[in-house]
Amino acid sequence: MTEPILPQLKPIPIKDRLSVLFVEKGNLDVIDGAFVVVDKTGVRTHIPVGSVACLMLEPGTRVSHAAVTLASRVGCLLVWVGDAAVRLYASGQPGGARADRLLYQARLALDDAARLKVVRKMYALRFREEPPERRSVEQLRGIEGVRVRKMYEIIARQYGVEWKNRNYDHSEWESGDIPNRCLSSATACLYGICEAAILAAGYAPAVGFIHTGKPQSFVYDIADIFKFDTVVPVAFRIASKKPHNPEREVRLACRDAFRQSGLLKRIIPSIEEVLAAGGLPVPKAHEEAVEPAIPNKEGVGDAGHRG
């Protein structure tokens, strides 16, 4: 039996990847074994899809079946977004390879005492101080909201940005002021890589603890831990310059900030840390579970990557 010409694809761990890339116009396809974007003139631009955590696909982008298949195999999250990446329409999940992490997350979310412990840990990581004692999840959410609004004001003042409030209309993007547009673009980048990390780790984006009832509730929970250390200062710094194309400037600055802060190396360990605070044991395999006849090979990717 002859050996295959090309080695088997193995996902690269999230911590070793680039954070996020945006594709605005062109056709994504696999040509001659390479993941490429082909523009209207036929020019091919190669994308190292296996070393990118998340691809944001904006209007004007088409994706072939082969491109989606390859992205899934190497664990790159595809996210279909609107102009400036504000609205999220759909995402192709590269994760879901195992259920034990999902069951663990759901059990924590359904246990009131465990959920409160997880929320308190998220609060402590976000604000670097322990939350007030004897407070419910709803009360902590209210306290957090007040502190967040104050932090926006403080950071805006540091960069000399006129700040009114966090407000924008996604249906009329251009109607928003520059600081809000910069913040929306910056948080969209952060949400993308956080969702990619959550799926790679084997968890569900919709099962949140502070945020609930939304498709990305857990994404917002995890992103909020890092938001004021990464994207918020970047957004206000770019807004202070009043650039002609603030969305593009913010994306480039966020990419650099993610790399410099080593964010991708911190997300999954932080997820494990906040969930462990719930105090519940990780579920083990059922005693009647049957081992697979042909075990999956151990890959170098994260726990949630498909083999």
Protein backbone atom coordinates (compact mmCIF):
# COMPACT_ATOMS: atom_id res chain seq x y z
CA MET A 1 0.00 0.00 0.00
CA THR A 2 1.46 3.34 -1.04
CA GLU A 3 1.80 6.19 1.43
CA PRO A 4 -0.36 9.28 0.79
CA ILE A 5 1.39 12.09 -1.02
CA LEU A 6 0.18 14.74 1.42
CA PRO A 7 0.15 14.34 5.22
CA GLN A 8 -3.19 14.20 7.04
CA LEU A 9 -4.52 17.61 8.06
CA LYS A 10 -4.26 18.33 11.78
CA PRO A 11 -5.73 21.43 13.41
CA ILE A 12 -3.30 23.91 14.91
CA PRO A 13 -4.18 24.89 18.50
CA ILE A 14 -5.98 28.23 18.78
CA LYS A 15 -3.15 29.71 20.86
CA ASP A 16 -0.72 29.35 17.92
CA ARG A 17 -2.93 30.98 15.28
CA LEU A 18 -3.50 34.39 13.77
CA SER A 19 -6.59 35.98 15.29
CA VAL A 20 -8.99 37.16 12.57
CA LEU A 21 -9.05 38.03 8.86
CA PHE A 22 -11.76 39.90 6.95
CA VAL A 23 -12.79 39.04 3.39
CA GLU A 24 -14.91 41.71 1.73
CA LYS A 25 -15.22 40.79 -1.96
CA GLY A 26 -14.29 37.69 -3.89
CA ASN A 27 -14.90 33.96 -4.17
CA LEU A 28 -13.39 31.64 -1.56
CA ASP A 29 -12.36 28.33 -3.06
CA VAL A 30 -9.78 25.56 -2.90
CA ILE A 31 -7.65 25.60 -6.05
CA ASP A 32 -4.63 23.33 -6.49
CA GLY A 33 -4.93 22.37 -2.84
CA ALA A 34 -4.73 25.98 -1.62
CA PHE A 35 -7.42 28.02 0.14
CA VAL A 36 -7.69 31.16 -1.98
CA VAL A 37 -9.80 34.27 -2.58
CA VAL A 38 -10.37 34.92 -6.28
CA ASP A 39 -11.31 38.48 -7.23
CA LYS A 40 -13.34 39.56 -10.25
CA THR A 41 -10.21 39.78 -12.40
CA GLY A 42 -9.20 36.22 -11.56
CA VAL A 43 -6.32 37.11 -9.24
CA ARG A 44 -5.83 34.53 -6.50
CA THR A 45 -4.85 35.53 -2.95
CA HIS A 46 -3.77 32.65 -0.77
CA ILE A 47 -5.12 32.48 2.81
CA PRO A 48 -3.32 30.18 5.28
CA VAL A 49 -6.69 29.03 6.61
CA GLY A 50 -5.21 26.43 8.96
CA SER A 51 -3.34 29.10 10.90
CA VAL A 52 -6.26 31.54 11.25
CA ALA A 53 -8.76 31.32 14.11
CA CYS A 54 -11.63 33.11 12.37
CA LEU A 55 -12.55 34.41 8.91
CA MET A 56 -15.13 37.22 8.78
CA LEU A 57 -17.02 37.10 5.47
CA GLU A 58 -18.56 40.43 4.51
CA PRO A 59 -21.10 41.21 1.75
CA GLY A 60 -19.72 40.44 -1.70
CA THR A 61 -18.17 37.14 -0.62
CA ARG A 62 -19.06 33.71 -1.98
CA VAL A 63 -17.81 30.42 -0.59
CA SER A 64 -17.49 27.09 -2.36
CA HIS A 65 -18.30 23.74 -0.78
CA ALA A 66 -14.62 22.76 -0.97
CA ALA A 67 -13.62 25.92 0.93
CA VAL A 68 -16.13 25.25 3.73
CA THR A 69 -14.99 21.63 3.97
CA LEU A 70 -11.33 22.59 4.27
CA ALA A 71 -12.06 25.33 6.83
CA SER A 72 -14.00 22.82 8.94
CA ARG A 73 -11.24 20.20 8.75
CA VAL A 74 -8.57 22.60 9.95
CA GLY A 75 -10.80 24.26 12.57
CA CYS A 76 -11.15 27.76 11.11
CA LEU A 77 -14.43 29.44 12.04
CA LEU A 78 -16.29 31.05 9.12
CA VAL A 79 -18.58 33.91 10.15
CA TRP A 80 -20.96 35.60 7.72
CA VAL A 81 -21.37 39.23 8.79
CA GLY A 82 -22.89 42.46 7.52
CA ASP A 83 -21.16 45.69 6.56
CA ALA A 84 -18.40 46.58 9.01
CA ALA A 85 -18.94 43.17 10.66
CA VAL A 86 -21.67 44.54 12.91
CA ARG A 87 -24.46 42.07 12.18
CA LEU A 88 -23.80 38.34 12.41
CA TYR A 89 -25.91 36.27 10.03
CA ALA A 90 -24.46 32.78 10.39
CA SER A 91 -21.36 30.87 11.38
CA GLY A 92 -19.91 27.54 10.35
CA GLN A 93 -18.92 25.66 13.48
CA PRO A 94 -15.57 23.86 13.39
CA GLY A 95 -16.13 22.44 16.88
CA GLY A 96 -18.58 19.96 18.31
CA ALA A 97 -16.28 16.96 18.35
CA ARG A 98 -17.22 15.93 21.88
CA ALA A 99 -20.18 16.26 24.23
CA ASP A 100 -18.59 16.02 27.69
CA ARG A 101 -17.58 19.70 27.76
CA LEU A 102 -21.03 20.75 26.56
CA LEU A 103 -22.77 18.67 29.26
CA TYR A 104 -20.43 20.14 31.87
CA GLN A 105 -21.21 23.69 30.74
CA ALA A 106 -24.97 23.03 30.68
CA ARG A 107 -24.90 21.49 34.17
CA LEU A 108 -23.13 24.57 35.55
CA ALA A 109 -25.61 26.91 33.88
CA LEU A 110 -28.61 24.99 35.24
CA ASP A 111 -27.33 24.82 38.82
CA ASP A 112 -28.15 28.17 40.48
CA ALA A 113 -25.36 27.96 43.06
CA ALA A 114 -22.74 26.89 40.52
CA ARG A 115 -23.86 29.55 38.04
CA LEU A 116 -23.47 32.27 40.67
CA LYS A 117 -19.93 31.08 41.44
CA VAL A 118 -19.05 31.21 37.73
CA VAL A 119 -20.50 34.73 37.41
CA ARG A 120 -18.55 35.89 40.47
CA LYS A 121 -15.34 34.52 38.95
CA MET A 122 -16.01 36.33 35.68
CA TYR A 123 -16.57 39.54 37.64
CA ALA A 124 -13.30 39.07 39.55
CA LEU A 125 -11.30 38.45 36.36
CA ARG A 126 -12.87 41.42 34.59
CA PHE A 127 -12.49 44.02 37.33
CA ARG A 128 -9.55 42.47 39.21
CA GLU A 129 -11.40 42.54 42.51
CA GLU A 130 -13.84 40.31 44.29
CA PRO A 131 -17.53 41.14 43.74
CA PRO A 132 -19.76 42.23 46.64
CA GLU A 133 -20.98 39.38 48.85
CA ARG A 134 -24.56 38.13 48.98
CA ARG A 135 -25.51 39.39 45.54
CA SER A 136 -27.60 37.51 42.97
CA VAL A 137 -26.68 37.13 39.30
CA GLU A 138 -29.18 39.86 38.40
CA GLN A 139 -27.71 42.23 40.99
CA LEU A 140 -24.15 41.56 39.80
CA ARG A 141 -25.28 42.19 36.23
CA GLY A 142 -26.65 45.58 37.29
CA ILE A 143 -23.46 46.49 39.17
CA GLU A 144 -21.41 45.44 36.18
CA GLY A 145 -23.48 47.63 33.83
CA VAL A 146 -22.86 50.73 35.93
CA ARG A 147 -19.11 50.07 36.10
CA VAL A 148 -18.89 49.41 32.37
CA ARG A 149 -20.55 52.73 31.51
CA LYS A 150 -18.14 54.51 33.85
CA MET A 151 -15.15 52.75 32.28
CA TYR A 152 -16.23 53.88 28.83
CA GLU A 153 -16.27 57.46 30.08
CA ILE A 154 -12.84 57.17 31.73
CA ILE A 155 -11.11 55.61 28.70
CA ALA A 156 -12.75 58.10 26.32
CA ARG A 157 -11.46 60.94 28.48
CA GLN A 158 -7.95 59.46 28.44
CA TYR A 159 -7.88 59.62 24.65
CA GLY A 160 -9.66 62.97 24.38
CA VAL A 161 -12.74 61.49 22.72
CA GLU A 162 -16.16 63.11 23.10
CA TRP A 163 -18.33 60.33 24.51
CA LYS A 164 -22.08 60.44 24.92
CA ASN A 165 -23.24 56.86 25.42
CA ARG A 166 -23.04 53.40 23.88
CA ASN A 167 -25.61 53.64 21.12
CA TYR A 168 -25.78 52.67 17.48
CA ASP A 169 -28.32 51.52 14.90
CA HIS A 170 -27.06 48.51 12.96
CA SER A 171 -29.62 49.19 10.20
CA GLU A 172 -28.13 52.66 9.61
CA TRP A 173 -24.45 52.17 10.28
CA GLU A 174 -23.27 55.52 8.95
CA SER A 175 -25.62 57.37 11.30
CA GLY A 176 -23.54 56.42 14.34
CA ASP A 177 -20.74 58.60 15.62
CA ILE A 178 -17.13 57.56 15.11
CA PRO A 179 -16.49 56.32 18.69
CA ASN A 180 -19.50 53.99 18.57
CA ARG A 181 -18.57 52.72 15.11
CA CYS A 182 -15.03 52.05 16.28
CA LEU A 183 -16.29 50.20 19.35
CA SER A 184 -18.69 48.09 17.32
CA SER A 185 -16.00 47.08 14.84
CA ALA A 186 -13.53 46.32 17.62
CA THR A 187 -15.94 44.18 19.65
CA ALA A 188 -16.94 42.29 16.48
CA CYS A 189 -13.30 41.22 16.09
CA LEU A 190 -13.15 40.12 19.72
CA TYR A 191 -16.44 38.20 19.50
CA GLY A 192 -15.20 36.33 16.44
CA ILE A 193 -12.06 34.95 18.01
CA CYS A 194 -13.82 34.23 21.32
CA GLU A 195 -16.46 32.17 19.52
CA ALA A 196 -13.75 30.31 17.62
CA ALA A 197 -11.99 29.52 20.90
CA ILE A 198 -15.21 28.42 22.62
CA LEU A 199 -16.03 26.02 19.80
CA ALA A 200 -12.45 24.74 19.64
CA ALA A 201 -12.58 23.98 23.36
CA GLY A 202 -15.78 21.98 22.90
CA TYR A 203 -18.31 24.37 24.49
CA ALA A 204 -21.53 25.98 23.25
CA PRO A 205 -21.65 29.72 22.38
CA ALA A 206 -25.34 29.98 23.36
CA VAL A 207 -25.09 28.61 26.93
CA GLY A 208 -24.15 31.72 28.90
CA PHE A 209 -24.01 32.67 32.57
CA ILE A 210 -24.21 36.47 32.78
CA HIS A 211 -25.73 36.86 29.33
CA THR A 212 -28.61 34.52 28.46
CA GLY A 213 -31.14 33.94 25.72
CA LYS A 214 -28.92 34.83 22.75
CA PRO A 215 -27.02 32.68 20.23
CA GLN A 216 -23.72 34.12 21.47
CA SER A 217 -24.42 34.51 25.19
CA PHE A 218 -21.27 32.65 26.30
CA VAL A 219 -19.25 34.55 23.69
CA TYR A 220 -20.28 37.84 25.31
CA ASP A 221 -19.45 36.42 28.77
CA ILE A 222 -15.91 35.47 27.77
CA ALA A 223 -15.26 38.52 25.58
CA ASP A 224 -16.21 40.86 28.41
CA ILE A 225 -13.33 39.49 30.49
CA PHE A 226 -10.83 40.86 27.94
CA LYS A 227 -12.73 43.77 26.40
CA PHE A 228 -11.32 46.64 28.44
CA ASP A 229 -7.76 45.32 28.27
CA THR A 230 -7.77 45.00 24.50
CA VAL A 231 -10.37 46.38 22.11
CA VAL A 232 -11.91 49.29 24.01
CA PRO A 233 -8.64 51.27 24.36
CA VAL A 234 -7.88 50.47 20.71
CA ALA A 235 -11.28 51.73 19.59
CA PHE A 236 -10.99 55.04 21.45
CA ARG A 237 -7.39 55.53 20.31
CA ILE A 238 -8.44 55.16 16.67
CA ALA A 239 -11.54 57.33 17.22
CA SER A 240 -9.37 60.14 18.59
CA LYS A 241 -7.58 60.32 15.22
CA LYS A 242 -10.90 60.70 13.31
CA PRO A 243 -9.74 58.51 10.41
CA HIS A 244 -11.41 58.43 7.01
CA ASN A 245 -12.07 54.68 7.28
CA PRO A 246 -12.35 53.97 11.02
CA GLU A 247 -13.56 50.38 10.63
CA ARG A 248 -10.47 49.31 8.69
CA GLU A 249 -8.11 51.14 11.05
CA VAL A 250 -9.74 49.47 14.06
CA ARG A 251 -9.45 45.99 12.56
CA LEU A 252 -5.75 46.38 11.86
CA ALA A 253 -5.14 47.81 15.32
CA CYS A 254 -7.12 44.99 16.98
CA ARG A 255 -5.13 42.38 15.09
CA ASP A 256 -1.91 43.92 16.38
CA ALA A 257 -3.30 44.22 19.92
CA PHE A 258 -4.36 40.56 19.95
CA ARG A 259 -0.89 39.49 18.86
CA GLN A 260 0.97 41.73 21.30
CA SER A 261 -1.17 40.72 24.27
CA GLY A 262 -1.05 37.02 23.44
CA LEU A 263 -4.85 36.93 23.68
CA LEU A 264 -5.34 33.64 21.84
CA LYS A 265 -3.15 31.90 24.41
CA ARG A 266 -5.34 33.20 27.25
CA ILE A 267 -8.90 32.60 26.09
CA ILE A 268 -9.25 28.84 26.51
CA PRO A 269 -7.40 28.73 29.88
CA SER A 270 -9.70 31.51 31.07
CA ILE A 271 -12.76 29.54 29.97
CA GLU A 272 -11.56 26.54 31.96
CA GLU A 273 -10.80 28.77 34.96
CA VAL A 274 -14.23 30.40 35.15
CA LEU A 275 -16.07 27.12 34.69
CA ALA A 276 -13.94 25.39 37.32
CA ALA A 277 -15.05 28.08 39.77
CA GLY A 278 -18.52 26.52 39.68
CA GLY A 279 -17.20 23.69 41.84
CA LEU A 280 -18.81 20.84 39.89
CA PRO A 281 -16.77 17.85 38.68
CA VAL A 282 -16.25 17.37 34.96
CA PRO A 283 -18.58 14.55 33.81
CA LYS A 284 -16.93 11.21 33.14
CA ALA A 285 -17.90 8.71 30.49
CA HIS A 286 -20.95 6.62 31.39
CA GLU A 287 -20.11 3.18 32.74
CA GLU A 288 -22.14 1.55 29.97
CA ALA A 289 -20.53 3.60 27.22
CA VAL A 290 -19.05 1.50 24.43
CA GLU A 291 -15.57 2.36 23.23
CA PRO A 292 -15.36 3.19 19.50
CA ALA A 293 -14.40 0.27 17.31
CA ILE A 294 -11.89 2.47 15.49
CA PRO A 295 -10.61 5.10 17.95
CA ASN A 296 -9.97 8.58 16.63
CA LYS A 297 -6.34 9.49 16.30
CA GLU A 298 -5.04 12.03 18.76
CA GLY A 299 -4.68 15.36 16.99
CA VAL A 300 -2.67 18.43 17.87
CA GLY A 301 -5.74 20.67 17.84
CA ASP A 302 -7.94 21.73 20.73
CA ALA A 303 -10.49 19.45 22.37
CA GLY A 304 -13.43 20.61 20.25
CA HIS A 305 -11.78 20.32 16.85
CA ARG A 306 -13.08 17.64 14.56
CA GLY A 307 -10.53 14.96 13.80
